[in-house]
Amino acid sequence: MSGNKQNESASPTWNASLYDSRIGYVSEYGRSVLQLLDARPGETVLDIGCGTGDLCRELANVGALPYGIDFSPDMVCRAREKYPDLVFEAADARTYRPDRRYDAVFSNAALHWIKPPEAVLRTARSALKPGGRFVAEFGGKHNVGVIVSAATEALAGFGIDAEARHPWYFPSVAEYATLLEEAGFRVEFALHFARPTPLDDGERGLDHWLDMFGGSFFAGMTEAEKREAYAETKRLAKPELFRDGRWFADYWRLRIVALCESESV
């Protein structure tokens, strides 16, 4: 997930080194979203949830002028180390208000972490020039449903209500299109699709995923308890998500393009 991933009830701690070493597929898949954005030389682009900066680098390579923001200072620090010629800022996408307007706002694998969703849409609209475009991909309805179901059952054995700890917002096309229109956007394109995603490192692939993204579910557990819960989660999920020696995350993605045709209010 690239970035500005936060909510007030369960703000995760991001490990930039783990993200780069084991979760590199996030930026790889994000390249197809960049194709949808189709940034042109000289265009200014605000990347909401820039993570460790890889997609900002891709934007700069085609001549665009990216500005990356992320909620995690660790991610931003890593992005600055990797790409010292680019500009990154630690910021909360719910309240961020730039001092300039952009030709486009872009986000990959981040918006499902930001609640309430209306807040980031206000930020995106305030950042865009009239006629500017908002292009994003993030988790949609049913995303990681098998993983969450397995973790929920595993944690019930520890007396933990995982549903109460769910950190994400996974909308349907209809839900999100309604929010976009209410925020003053015109929806040009929306697609909800399944994308089973292979995880690196064989049997340990789901462990890395849970370490990176599932922290809110396992908060307060000892390391031994957490590893026991991981093992049970994997046992329950394995029939559906493990094949040919590797784990697959049951991702469902929502991809959108929307235009801001008037001044923000």
Foldseek 3Di string as FASTA:
>chain_A
DQAQFADDPFGDAADLVLCVPWVVVQVVVCVVLVVVVVDAAAFEEEEHRRFLPPVVVVCVVRRYQYEYEHQHPNRQVNNCVVCVVHHYYRDNLLPDADPAAGLEYEYTAHQFRDPPSLSNLLRRQNRHDAFHKYKYKHFAPPFLVLLLVQLCVLCVVVVARLVVQDRTDHYDPVVVCVSNVVQQKAWDDKDKFKDWAWTPDFPCRVVSVCVRPVQSSCPPPDPVSVVSSVVSSCVSSVVPADDPRTGTRGTIMMITMIGRNDHGD
